[in-house]
Amino acid sequence: MNANNNKSGFRIFLWTVLGVVAGFYLGRFYILNNMQYLGNNKIDTILNIIDQNYVDTVNMEQLIDNTTHNIIKELDPHSVLIPAGEIDLVTDKLEGSFSGIGVSFNMLSDTILILTVIHKGPAEKAGILPYDRIISINDSVVAGKGINDQEIIRTLRGTKNSKVKLGIKRSGEDDLLYFDVTRGDVPDYSIEVAYKVSDGIGYMLIDDFGRTTYNEFITAIAKLRKEGCEKFIIDLRGNTGGYMDAAIHMLNEFIPSGQSILYYEGKAFKRQEFRANGSGSCQNAPVVVLVDEASASASEIFAGAIQDNDRGLIIGRRTFGKGLVQSPIKLKDGSELRLTIARYYTPSGRCIQKQYELGNTDDYNLDLENRYLHGEFDYADSIKVADTLAYKTLHGRTVYGGGGIMPDIFIPRDTSNITSYYVAAYRSGAIYRYVLEYSDRHHSKLASFKTYQDLYAYLKTQPLLNEFTDFAETQGMKKRPTLIQISGPLIEKYISALIVRNFFNNEGYYPIILTDDVAFLRALKEISNNDGRPVIP
């Protein structure tokens, strides 16, 4: 290599270095001279710098959303930012009603099959019938298009008093029928079912604690009392919570005057306590509460107050363990921040929030899976109890905080009749698809029964299990005779209950499902023999 080449290479290197240095100082000069455009904190400052000076155009709205979500992720597992477009989907369930056409449906052969039409709802007023098929919506064909349930829901729901045109294929009609349906308020009930299960005993399944739950509860209690019920089983299994005040109002019906219901407090919120005012209609009524690992938040408030006041028995499995209170905060872009502002405490003073690390939601979300793997759903002695978090109920029983509500009577999972064949049939949706096709195929006959008992009796005479296993085989499920023999009674009962629900709603479904529900049967025994009262030391 000669000297001229060395000099040339050095000059290139020198100019490169000078270019980088000059670029840095020019950029620094430019930024420093535009400081008046920057924000008042580091995050605003960085975002403004990127917006004004980054080499390429950046979608700042998306960048801000991502940044904000990442900030919220560094907090507790229950603080969350809900995008503007998703708020209705999140809140409708708890508001007690939504604007829609008033039908329930499912997909059968990629076509919308209407299962039920709400009495006096918009669809019924327009002339829609159960087991009609929706072929088009607003002149756009939806049958056979692979549209998912959420897309259909968004299309059928809409602003109150707006219209939606439905193209309907009805059995016995050669041509499509067209209906203009005016959307209206459609009730979305929290109480799935309430009925008399035995002499003097009423059963109530509460799906969530929404805006209308308390009023529904009062109506249900009045109905049950009219049927002679003075003892109550409240089923909160699978109830993930909702509005705290709904649980407080319901508890006021059961808790005697002056006794504590709960209190909450946080850094910016002074302690606020709620006590029963003595106006409750069920203060002396025996009560048993059913819970499981999916019972959370407001469900745990209810179960915790009943337990701490020695007001009734809690039966089932340890609850989820959510003791944090969120407050909804509307933001300018229409999104909503649900920020944890306080912890709530049961009357004995325990916080039932399970442990978590800030910013670590992965481990938190695996808690239920870890409980299952540890055997907690099957054996009471597998439950980890925080001995250092012991508290006393009103009459001196020991209860524990730090991770859900421990039931007074533990009921393990019922695994009898469950085999890999049943699990595959359930998880694959084969059972549900068979029920839809069977209900559709025999609609006229099944709809002729006047009571769910008569329909259930008829179904017991039908070869449902054999038909189902043939159907499941067409869905890729190989017949397993030994496993089918074990799971047969469970499969037949579940299929029958689902068919009955298609014609008599939950009022027919739950009386069948609960016939061999171990936790329910134990609750029935306790409230029948001992008035559902805990043993006081």
Protein backbone atom coordinates (compact mmCIF):
# COMPACT_ATOMS: atom_id res chain seq x y z
CA MET A 1 0.00 0.00 0.00
CA ASN A 2 1.58 3.38 -0.98
CA ALA A 3 1.65 6.70 0.91
CA ASN A 4 -0.99 8.31 -1.28
CA ASN A 5 -3.48 5.56 -0.46
CA ASN A 6 -2.71 5.93 3.25
CA LYS A 7 -3.34 9.66 3.09
CA SER A 8 -6.56 9.13 1.15
CA GLY A 9 -7.81 6.59 3.71
CA PHE A 10 -6.95 8.89 6.59
CA ARG A 11 -8.83 11.78 4.99
CA ILE A 12 -11.93 9.62 4.59
CA PHE A 13 -11.73 8.52 8.22
CA LEU A 14 -11.20 12.12 9.37
CA TRP A 15 -14.16 13.43 7.39
CA THR A 16 -16.34 10.60 8.74
CA VAL A 17 -15.44 11.47 12.34
CA LEU A 18 -15.95 15.17 11.73
CA GLY A 19 -19.30 14.40 10.11
CA VAL A 20 -20.48 12.41 13.12
CA VAL A 21 -19.27 15.09 15.55
CA ALA A 22 -20.76 17.87 13.46
CA GLY A 23 -24.04 15.97 13.17
CA PHE A 24 -24.14 15.52 16.94
CA TYR A 25 -23.48 19.18 17.69
CA LEU A 26 -25.80 20.43 14.98
CA GLY A 27 -28.55 18.16 16.34
CA ARG A 28 -27.80 19.29 19.88
CA PHE A 29 -27.86 22.92 18.79
CA TYR A 30 -31.16 22.40 16.99
CA ILE A 31 -32.79 20.62 19.92
CA LEU A 32 -31.51 23.11 22.50
CA ASN A 33 -32.89 25.92 20.40
CA ASN A 34 -36.30 24.28 20.28
CA MET A 35 -36.65 23.52 24.00
CA GLN A 36 -39.75 25.71 24.16
CA TYR A 37 -41.62 22.90 22.37
CA LEU A 38 -40.72 20.23 24.90
CA GLY A 39 -42.83 18.88 27.76
CA ASN A 40 -42.69 19.36 31.50
CA ASN A 41 -41.53 15.84 32.36
CA LYS A 42 -39.16 13.26 30.92
CA ILE A 43 -41.81 11.24 29.11
CA ASP A 44 -43.39 14.30 27.47
CA THR A 45 -39.95 15.62 26.62
CA ILE A 46 -38.82 12.41 24.92
CA LEU A 47 -42.07 12.03 22.99
CA ASN A 48 -41.88 15.65 21.79
CA ILE A 49 -38.24 15.25 20.77
CA ILE A 50 -39.15 12.14 18.75
CA ASP A 51 -42.15 13.89 17.18
CA GLN A 52 -40.14 16.92 16.09
CA ASN A 53 -36.68 15.55 15.39
CA TYR A 54 -36.78 11.83 14.58
CA VAL A 55 -35.38 10.99 11.14
CA ASP A 56 -38.62 9.35 9.92
CA THR A 57 -42.30 10.08 10.41
CA VAL A 58 -43.64 8.20 13.42
CA ASN A 59 -47.25 7.36 14.30
CA MET A 60 -47.16 9.37 17.51
CA GLU A 61 -50.65 8.34 18.62
CA GLN A 62 -49.66 4.67 18.45
CA LEU A 63 -46.33 5.40 20.15
CA ILE A 64 -48.08 7.26 22.98
CA ASP A 65 -50.59 4.41 23.40
CA ASN A 66 -47.79 1.85 23.58
CA THR A 67 -45.85 3.98 26.04
CA THR A 68 -48.89 4.47 28.25
CA HIS A 69 -49.71 0.76 28.26
CA ASN A 70 -46.13 -0.01 29.24
CA ILE A 71 -46.37 2.46 32.14
CA ILE A 72 -49.57 0.85 33.41
CA LYS A 73 -47.95 -2.61 33.14
CA GLU A 74 -45.43 -1.53 35.75
CA LEU A 75 -48.22 -1.20 38.34
CA ASP A 76 -50.40 -3.90 39.93
CA PRO A 77 -52.06 -6.60 37.78
CA HIS A 78 -55.51 -5.00 37.93
CA SER A 79 -54.74 -1.44 36.81
CA VAL A 80 -55.53 -1.27 33.10
CA LEU A 81 -55.99 1.17 30.23
CA ILE A 82 -59.01 0.37 28.04
CA PRO A 83 -58.97 1.74 24.45
CA ALA A 84 -61.94 3.90 23.49
CA GLY A 85 -63.25 1.35 21.00
CA GLU A 86 -63.39 -1.43 23.58
CA ILE A 87 -65.07 0.33 26.51
CA ASP A 88 -68.62 -0.65 25.52
CA LEU A 89 -67.66 -4.31 25.20
CA VAL A 90 -66.12 -4.20 28.67
CA THR A 91 -68.85 -2.24 30.44
CA ASP A 92 -72.08 -3.41 28.74
CA LYS A 93 -72.14 -6.63 30.74
CA LEU A 94 -72.19 -4.71 34.04
CA GLU A 95 -74.59 -1.96 33.00
CA GLY A 96 -77.62 -4.26 32.97
CA SER A 97 -78.68 -3.48 29.42
CA PHE A 98 -77.40 -2.58 25.97
CA SER A 99 -78.87 -1.37 22.71
CA GLY A 100 -79.47 -4.25 20.33
CA ILE A 101 -82.13 -6.46 18.73
CA GLY A 102 -82.75 -8.88 21.62
CA VAL A 103 -81.77 -12.36 20.46
CA SER A 104 -79.30 -15.04 21.45
CA PHE A 105 -77.61 -16.92 18.64
CA ASN A 106 -74.93 -19.39 17.72
CA MET A 107 -73.16 -20.39 14.53
CA LEU A 108 -74.39 -23.54 12.79
CA SER A 109 -72.66 -24.48 9.54
CA ASP A 110 -71.28 -20.93 9.31
CA THR A 111 -74.78 -19.46 9.55
CA ILE A 112 -76.27 -17.39 12.38
CA LEU A 113 -78.92 -19.54 14.06
CA ILE A 114 -81.22 -17.60 16.42
CA LEU A 115 -81.81 -19.66 19.57
CA THR A 116 -84.00 -17.39 21.69
CA VAL A 117 -85.89 -14.16 21.14
CA ILE A 118 -86.36 -11.92 24.17
CA HIS A 119 -90.01 -11.48 25.08
CA LYS A 120 -91.27 -8.02 24.03
CA GLY A 121 -87.81 -7.21 22.68
CA PRO A 122 -87.08 -5.47 19.35
CA ALA A 123 -86.67 -8.69 17.36
CA GLU A 124 -89.92 -10.22 18.64
CA LYS A 125 -91.80 -7.01 17.85
CA ALA A 126 -90.44 -7.16 14.29
CA GLY A 127 -91.55 -10.79 13.86
CA ILE A 128 -88.30 -12.72 14.29
CA LEU A 129 -88.76 -16.29 15.59
CA PRO A 130 -86.50 -18.79 17.36
CA TYR A 131 -84.54 -20.98 14.92
CA ASP A 132 -84.69 -18.40 12.16
CA ARG A 133 -81.38 -18.11 10.29
CA ILE A 134 -79.83 -14.72 9.58
CA ILE A 135 -78.53 -14.77 6.01
CA SER A 136 -77.89 -11.06 5.48
CA ILE A 137 -77.50 -7.93 7.57
CA ASN A 138 -78.23 -4.58 5.89
CA ASP A 139 -78.22 -6.30 2.48
CA SER A 140 -74.73 -7.75 3.04
CA VAL A 141 -74.57 -11.55 3.04
CA VAL A 142 -73.10 -12.90 6.30
CA ALA A 143 -73.87 -16.60 5.89
CA GLY A 144 -70.87 -18.65 4.85
CA LYS A 145 -68.46 -15.74 5.28
CA GLY A 146 -66.58 -16.99 8.34
CA ILE A 147 -67.61 -14.01 10.46
CA ASN A 148 -66.89 -14.50 14.16
CA ASP A 149 -69.27 -13.92 17.05
CA GLN A 150 -67.77 -10.58 18.10
CA GLU A 151 -68.15 -9.12 14.60
CA ILE A 152 -71.79 -10.25 14.52
CA ILE A 153 -72.47 -8.72 17.94
CA ARG A 154 -70.94 -5.40 16.88
CA THR A 155 -73.06 -5.41 13.72
CA LEU A 156 -76.35 -6.29 15.41
CA ARG A 157 -75.86 -3.85 18.27
CA GLY A 158 -76.04 -0.13 17.65
CA THR A 159 -77.52 3.19 18.68
CA LYS A 160 -80.94 3.02 20.26
CA ASN A 161 -83.78 3.60 17.74
CA SER A 162 -81.50 2.92 14.78
CA LYS A 163 -82.63 0.26 12.31
CA VAL A 164 -81.01 -2.90 11.03
CA LYS A 165 -82.36 -4.89 8.07
CA LEU A 166 -82.20 -8.68 8.45
CA GLY A 167 -82.57 -11.25 5.68
CA ILE A 168 -84.07 -14.36 7.32
CA LYS A 169 -84.29 -17.97 6.12
CA ARG A 170 -87.22 -19.60 7.89
CA SER A 171 -88.10 -23.29 7.86
CA GLY A 172 -90.99 -23.93 5.46
CA GLU A 173 -90.41 -20.71 3.51
CA ASP A 174 -88.82 -20.89 0.05
CA ASP A 175 -87.78 -17.23 -0.16
CA LEU A 176 -85.83 -15.03 2.23
CA LEU A 177 -87.93 -12.92 4.57
CA TYR A 178 -86.79 -9.37 5.29
CA PHE A 179 -87.35 -7.58 8.59
CA ASP A 180 -86.49 -4.03 9.65
CA VAL A 181 -85.66 -4.23 13.35
CA THR A 182 -85.51 -1.05 15.43
CA ARG A 183 -82.77 -1.45 18.02
CA GLY A 184 -83.76 -0.85 21.63
CA ASP A 185 -82.76 -1.50 25.21
CA VAL A 186 -82.08 -5.19 25.80
CA PRO A 187 -81.78 -6.37 29.42
CA ASP A 188 -78.62 -8.23 30.41
CA TYR A 189 -79.42 -9.87 33.71
CA SER A 190 -76.87 -10.60 36.44
CA ILE A 191 -78.98 -13.28 38.11
CA GLU A 192 -78.91 -16.32 35.84
CA VAL A 193 -81.66 -18.17 37.66
CA ALA A 194 -83.61 -18.12 40.94
CA TYR A 195 -85.95 -20.95 41.83
CA LYS A 196 -87.25 -23.12 44.68
CA VAL A 197 -85.06 -26.22 45.07
CA SER A 198 -86.72 -27.79 48.10
CA ASP A 199 -89.37 -27.02 50.70
CA GLY A 200 -88.56 -23.59 52.09
CA ILE A 201 -85.21 -23.33 50.26
CA GLY A 202 -84.45 -21.03 47.34
CA TYR A 203 -81.43 -21.12 45.06
CA MET A 204 -79.96 -18.11 43.24
CA LEU A 205 -77.04 -18.04 40.77
CA ILE A 206 -75.45 -14.61 40.37
CA ASP A 207 -73.22 -14.22 37.31
CA ASP A 208 -71.72 -10.82 38.19
CA PHE A 209 -72.33 -7.71 40.28
CA GLY A 210 -73.65 -5.13 37.84
CA ARG A 211 -75.66 -1.94 37.88
CA THR A 212 -78.99 -3.77 38.18
CA THR A 213 -77.92 -6.72 40.35
CA TYR A 214 -79.35 -5.40 43.61
CA ASN A 215 -82.76 -4.68 42.08
CA GLU A 216 -82.74 -8.11 40.43
CA PHE A 217 -81.87 -9.63 43.80
CA ILE A 218 -84.78 -7.92 45.57
CA THR A 219 -87.14 -9.11 42.83
CA ALA A 220 -85.77 -12.67 43.05
CA ILE A 221 -86.08 -12.76 46.86
CA ALA A 222 -89.70 -11.58 46.62
CA LYS A 223 -90.43 -14.31 44.04
CA LEU A 224 -88.82 -17.02 46.17
CA ARG A 225 -90.61 -15.86 49.32
CA LYS A 226 -93.90 -15.98 47.47
CA GLU A 227 -93.08 -19.65 46.78
CA GLY A 228 -92.49 -20.24 50.50
CA CYS A 229 -88.69 -19.96 50.62
CA GLU A 230 -87.10 -18.57 53.78
CA LYS A 231 -83.63 -20.12 53.41
CA PHE A 232 -81.29 -19.22 50.57
CA ILE A 233 -78.34 -20.70 48.69
CA ILE A 234 -76.39 -17.96 46.90
CA ASP A 235 -74.16 -19.38 44.15
CA LEU A 236 -71.17 -17.14 43.32
CA ARG A 237 -69.08 -19.77 41.59
CA GLY A 238 -67.46 -18.30 38.50
CA ASN A 239 -68.61 -14.79 39.48
CA THR A 240 -65.59 -12.57 38.75
CA GLY A 241 -67.06 -9.51 40.47
CA GLY A 242 -68.14 -6.12 39.24
CA TYR A 243 -69.41 -3.08 41.14
CA MET A 244 -68.53 -2.98 44.82
CA ASP A 245 -71.67 -1.05 45.77
CA ALA A 246 -73.88 -3.83 44.34
CA ALA A 247 -72.29 -6.31 46.75
CA ILE A 248 -72.61 -3.85 49.64
CA HIS A 249 -76.33 -3.31 49.00
CA MET A 250 -76.94 -7.06 48.83
CA LEU A 251 -75.00 -7.65 52.04
CA ASN A 252 -77.10 -5.02 53.77
CA GLU A 253 -80.08 -7.34 53.24
CA PHE A 254 -78.36 -10.11 55.27
CA ILE A 255 -76.20 -8.36 57.88
CA PRO A 256 -77.82 -7.18 61.16
CA SER A 257 -77.88 -3.49 62.00
CA GLY A 258 -74.57 -1.89 62.95
CA GLN A 259 -72.37 -4.80 61.92
CA SER A 260 -69.50 -4.14 59.51
CA ILE A 261 -69.75 -5.00 55.82
CA LEU A 262 -66.30 -3.85 54.70
CA TYR A 263 -63.93 -0.89 54.67
CA TYR A 264 -61.37 0.36 52.17
CA GLU A 265 -58.48 2.79 52.20
CA GLY A 266 -55.53 3.89 50.07
CA LYS A 267 -52.78 6.52 49.94
CA ALA A 268 -55.12 9.22 48.65
CA PHE A 269 -58.32 7.80 50.17
CA LYS A 270 -59.02 7.90 53.86
CA ARG A 271 -60.59 4.86 55.43
CA GLN A 272 -64.26 4.53 54.57
CA GLU A 273 -66.32 1.89 56.33
CA PHE A 274 -69.72 0.48 55.44
CA ARG A 275 -72.05 -0.94 58.09
CA ALA A 276 -75.49 -2.49 57.83
CA ASN A 277 -78.29 -0.01 58.45
CA GLY A 278 -80.80 -2.55 59.76
CA SER A 279 -83.25 -2.29 56.87
CA GLY A 280 -82.37 -5.67 55.35
CA SER A 281 -85.15 -8.11 54.52
CA CYS A 282 -83.04 -11.27 55.07
CA GLN A 283 -81.34 -10.49 58.39
CA ASN A 284 -82.61 -13.69 59.98
CA ALA A 285 -82.75 -15.90 56.89
CA PRO A 286 -80.34 -18.86 56.89
CA VAL A 287 -77.85 -18.50 54.02
CA VAL A 288 -75.13 -20.59 52.38
CA VAL A 289 -72.72 -19.12 49.81
CA LEU A 290 -71.07 -21.25 47.13
CA VAL A 291 -67.66 -20.11 45.83
CA ASP A 292 -64.74 -21.43 43.80
CA GLU A 293 -61.37 -20.30 42.45
CA ALA A 294 -63.05 -18.07 39.85
CA SER A 295 -65.08 -16.14 42.47
CA ALA A 296 -63.35 -12.76 42.68
CA SER A 297 -63.58 -9.15 43.80
CA ALA A 298 -67.20 -8.28 44.69
CA SER A 299 -67.92 -12.01 45.13
CA GLU A 300 -65.18 -12.13 47.75
CA ILE A 301 -66.57 -9.02 49.44
CA PHE A 302 -69.91 -10.80 49.77
CA ALA A 303 -68.47 -14.12 50.95
CA GLY A 304 -66.01 -12.41 53.30
CA ALA A 305 -68.68 -10.35 55.06
CA ILE A 306 -70.99 -13.36 55.48
CA GLN A 307 -68.10 -15.38 56.92
CA ASP A 308 -66.59 -12.70 59.18
CA ASN A 309 -69.96 -11.90 60.71
CA ASP A 310 -70.64 -15.63 61.25
CA ARG A 311 -73.77 -14.99 59.25
CA GLY A 312 -73.70 -18.17 57.15
CA LEU A 313 -71.56 -20.93 55.69
CA ILE A 314 -69.12 -20.60 52.80
CA ILE A 315 -68.87 -23.84 50.81
CA GLY A 316 -66.60 -24.71 47.89
CA ARG A 317 -62.97 -23.88 47.14
CA ARG A 318 -60.63 -20.98 47.92
CA THR A 319 -61.58 -17.84 45.98
CA PHE A 320 -59.42 -15.93 43.51
CA GLY A 321 -57.86 -13.38 45.88
CA LYS A 322 -58.59 -9.88 44.49
CA GLY A 323 -58.71 -7.26 47.22
CA LEU A 324 -57.87 -4.15 45.17
CA VAL A 325 -60.32 -1.37 44.28
CA GLN A 326 -60.21 0.28 40.83
CA SER A 327 -61.58 3.68 39.91
CA PRO A 328 -62.55 4.43 36.27
CA ILE A 329 -60.96 7.65 34.94
CA LYS A 330 -62.05 8.94 31.53
CA LEU A 331 -59.27 10.32 29.31
CA LYS A 332 -59.56 12.96 26.59
CA ASP A 333 -59.17 10.49 23.73
CA GLY A 334 -62.16 8.48 24.94
CA SER A 335 -60.10 5.72 26.54
CA GLU A 336 -60.52 4.83 30.20
CA LEU A 337 -57.90 4.27 32.89
CA ARG A 338 -59.01 1.88 35.60
CA LEU A 339 -56.51 2.66 38.32
CA THR A 340 -56.13 0.80 41.60
CA ILE A 341 -56.76 3.40 44.31
CA ALA A 342 -57.33 1.37 47.48
CA ARG A 343 -57.44 -2.01 49.17
CA TYR A 344 -60.63 -3.29 50.72
CA TYR A 345 -60.80 -5.18 54.00
CA THR A 346 -63.40 -7.63 55.29
CA PRO A 347 -65.06 -6.97 58.67
CA SER A 348 -62.36 -8.89 60.58
CA GLY A 349 -59.70 -6.61 59.10
CA ARG A 350 -58.21 -8.98 56.54
CA CYS A 351 -57.21 -8.04 53.01
CA ILE A 352 -57.71 -11.05 50.80
CA GLN A 353 -55.53 -9.76 47.93
CA LYS A 354 -53.03 -12.42 46.92
CA GLN A 355 -49.37 -11.51 46.55
CA TYR A 356 -48.03 -9.82 43.42
CA GLU A 357 -44.95 -7.96 42.25
CA LEU A 358 -45.25 -4.59 40.53
CA GLY A 359 -44.86 -5.05 36.80
CA ASN A 360 -44.93 -8.85 36.98
CA THR A 361 -48.30 -9.96 35.68
CA ASP A 362 -47.05 -13.23 34.19
CA ASP A 363 -46.54 -14.99 37.53
CA TYR A 364 -49.78 -13.48 38.83
CA ASN A 365 -51.74 -14.80 35.86
CA LEU A 366 -50.30 -18.28 36.41
CA ASP A 367 -51.52 -18.45 40.02
CA LEU A 368 -54.66 -20.50 39.31
CA GLU A 369 -52.72 -22.89 37.11
CA ASN A 370 -50.15 -23.31 39.88
CA ARG A 371 -52.92 -23.96 42.40
CA TYR A 372 -54.28 -26.65 40.13
CA LEU A 373 -50.87 -28.28 39.66
CA HIS A 374 -50.29 -28.15 43.41
CA GLY A 375 -53.48 -30.15 43.95
CA GLU A 376 -55.43 -27.40 45.70
CA PHE A 377 -58.62 -28.05 43.72
CA ASP A 378 -58.66 -31.67 44.87
CA TYR A 379 -57.28 -31.72 48.43
CA ALA A 380 -57.94 -29.29 51.26
CA ASP A 381 -54.52 -29.93 52.84
CA SER A 382 -52.83 -28.69 49.65
CA ILE A 383 -54.08 -25.14 50.27
CA LYS A 384 -51.30 -22.82 51.38
CA VAL A 385 -52.43 -20.83 54.42
CA ALA A 386 -50.60 -17.70 55.57
CA ASP A 387 -50.52 -18.45 59.31
CA THR A 388 -49.19 -14.96 60.05
CA LEU A 389 -52.36 -13.42 58.57
CA ALA A 390 -54.88 -14.92 61.00
CA TYR A 391 -57.97 -12.97 62.03
CA LYS A 392 -61.04 -13.61 64.15
CA THR A 393 -64.66 -13.58 63.06
CA LEU A 394 -67.37 -11.88 65.10
CA HIS A 395 -67.73 -14.94 67.35
CA GLY A 396 -64.08 -15.96 67.48
CA ARG A 397 -63.51 -18.35 64.59
CA THR A 398 -60.08 -18.11 62.91
CA VAL A 399 -59.96 -16.96 59.30
CA TYR A 400 -57.03 -16.01 57.09
CA GLY A 401 -56.11 -13.18 54.74
CA GLY A 402 -53.51 -12.78 52.03
CA GLY A 403 -55.04 -14.90 49.28
CA GLY A 404 -58.79 -15.27 48.83
CA ILE A 405 -61.59 -16.52 51.07
CA MET A 406 -61.08 -19.99 52.56
CA PRO A 407 -64.40 -21.89 52.56
CA ASP A 408 -65.81 -23.22 55.83
CA ILE A 409 -66.46 -26.50 54.04
CA PHE A 410 -64.07 -27.55 51.28
CA ILE A 411 -65.51 -29.32 48.24
CA PRO A 412 -63.00 -30.80 45.78
CA ARG A 413 -63.51 -30.88 42.04
CA ASP A 414 -65.91 -33.59 40.97
CA THR A 415 -63.89 -35.74 38.56
CA SER A 416 -66.23 -38.72 38.52
CA ASN A 417 -67.25 -39.73 34.98
CA ILE A 418 -64.65 -37.38 33.49
CA THR A 419 -62.37 -39.05 30.94
CA SER A 420 -60.13 -37.85 28.15
CA TYR A 421 -63.00 -38.57 25.73
CA TYR A 422 -65.36 -36.24 27.61
CA VAL A 423 -62.72 -33.52 27.87
CA ALA A 424 -62.05 -33.72 24.12
CA ALA A 425 -65.79 -33.64 23.33
CA TYR A 426 -66.28 -30.60 25.55
CA ARG A 427 -63.22 -28.60 24.56
CA SER A 428 -63.62 -29.22 20.84
CA GLY A 429 -67.20 -27.95 20.92
CA ALA A 430 -68.51 -31.25 19.53
CA ILE A 431 -71.16 -31.51 22.26
CA TYR A 432 -72.45 -28.02 21.60
CA ARG A 433 -72.48 -28.47 17.82
CA TYR A 434 -74.43 -31.71 18.21
CA VAL A 435 -76.95 -29.99 20.49
CA LEU A 436 -77.47 -27.18 17.97
CA GLU A 437 -78.00 -29.57 15.09
CA TYR A 438 -80.29 -31.84 17.13
CA SER A 439 -82.36 -28.91 18.37
CA ASP A 440 -82.65 -27.53 14.86
CA ARG A 441 -83.48 -30.89 13.28
CA HIS A 442 -86.21 -31.74 15.84
CA HIS A 443 -87.35 -28.20 16.53
CA SER A 444 -91.08 -28.75 16.00
CA LYS A 445 -91.22 -31.78 18.30
CA LEU A 446 -89.04 -30.27 21.03
CA ALA A 447 -90.94 -26.98 21.01
CA SER A 448 -94.24 -28.80 21.59
CA PHE A 449 -93.51 -29.64 25.24
CA LYS A 450 -95.16 -27.38 27.81
CA THR A 451 -92.67 -27.85 30.65
CA TYR A 452 -88.96 -28.52 30.88
CA GLN A 453 -89.71 -31.62 32.97
CA ASP A 454 -91.74 -33.13 30.13
CA LEU A 455 -89.04 -32.33 27.59
CA TYR A 456 -86.34 -33.79 29.83
CA ALA A 457 -88.38 -36.96 30.36
CA TYR A 458 -88.75 -37.32 26.59
CA LEU A 459 -85.02 -36.82 25.98
CA LYS A 460 -84.23 -39.60 28.45
CA THR A 461 -86.00 -42.01 26.08
CA GLN A 462 -83.90 -40.96 23.10
CA PRO A 463 -80.57 -42.55 22.02
CA LEU A 464 -78.66 -39.30 22.53
CA LEU A 465 -75.37 -40.88 23.53
CA ASN A 466 -75.20 -43.20 20.51
CA GLU A 467 -76.19 -40.41 18.16
CA PHE A 468 -73.60 -38.11 19.69
CA THR A 469 -70.72 -40.58 19.44
CA ASP A 470 -71.61 -41.15 15.77
CA PHE A 471 -71.69 -37.40 15.23
CA ALA A 472 -68.41 -36.88 17.12
CA GLU A 473 -66.75 -39.48 14.91
CA THR A 474 -67.60 -37.34 11.88
CA GLN A 475 -65.84 -34.49 13.72
CA GLY A 476 -62.65 -36.49 13.99
CA MET A 477 -63.20 -38.01 17.44
CA LYS A 478 -62.50 -41.72 17.43
CA LYS A 479 -64.93 -43.85 19.44
CA ARG A 480 -63.45 -45.09 22.72
CA PRO A 481 -65.98 -47.64 24.09
CA THR A 482 -64.47 -47.96 27.60
CA LEU A 483 -64.20 -44.20 28.08
CA ILE A 484 -67.65 -43.62 26.59
CA GLN A 485 -69.13 -46.10 29.07
CA ILE A 486 -67.55 -44.18 31.97
CA SER A 487 -68.48 -40.71 30.73
CA GLY A 488 -71.80 -41.71 29.16
CA PRO A 489 -74.10 -40.55 32.02
CA LEU A 490 -72.31 -37.20 32.21
CA ILE A 491 -72.44 -36.64 28.45
CA GLU A 492 -76.13 -37.57 28.25
CA LYS A 493 -77.05 -35.28 31.13
CA TYR A 494 -75.10 -32.35 29.67
CA ILE A 495 -76.56 -32.83 26.20
CA SER A 496 -80.10 -33.03 27.63
CA ALA A 497 -79.59 -29.93 29.77
CA LEU A 498 -78.30 -27.93 26.79
CA ILE A 499 -81.21 -29.01 24.60
CA VAL A 500 -83.67 -28.09 27.35
CA ARG A 501 -82.00 -24.68 27.71
CA ASN A 502 -82.62 -23.99 24.03
CA PHE A 503 -86.36 -24.19 24.73
CA PHE A 504 -86.78 -23.28 28.42
CA ASN A 505 -83.72 -21.09 29.08
CA ASN A 506 -81.87 -21.35 32.39
CA GLU A 507 -85.07 -22.21 34.28
CA GLY A 508 -84.84 -25.65 32.67
CA TYR A 509 -81.07 -25.96 32.37
CA TYR A 510 -79.93 -25.51 35.98
CA PRO A 511 -82.39 -27.88 37.68
CA ILE A 512 -80.90 -30.61 35.47
CA ILE A 513 -77.25 -29.60 35.86
CA LEU A 514 -77.49 -29.31 39.64
CA THR A 515 -78.96 -32.79 40.20
CA ASP A 516 -75.53 -34.22 40.98
CA ASP A 517 -73.54 -31.05 41.72
CA VAL A 518 -71.57 -32.03 44.84
CA ALA A 519 -71.15 -28.51 46.25
CA PHE A 520 -74.81 -27.66 45.69
CA LEU A 521 -75.96 -30.91 47.31
CA ARG A 522 -73.75 -30.24 50.35
CA ALA A 523 -75.17 -26.73 50.63
CA LEU A 524 -78.69 -28.17 50.46
CA LYS A 525 -77.85 -30.63 53.23
CA GLU A 526 -76.30 -28.00 55.51
CA ILE A 527 -79.09 -25.48 55.13
CA SER A 528 -81.75 -28.19 55.57
CA ASN A 529 -80.26 -29.78 58.71
CA ASN A 530 -78.33 -26.97 60.40
CA ASP A 531 -79.83 -23.83 58.88
CA GLY A 532 -76.47 -23.27 57.19
CA ARG A 533 -74.95 -21.81 60.32
CA PRO A 534 -71.21 -22.10 61.06
CA VAL A 535 -70.01 -23.95 64.13
CA ILE A 536 -69.14 -21.32 66.74
CA PRO A 537 -66.33 -22.27 69.18
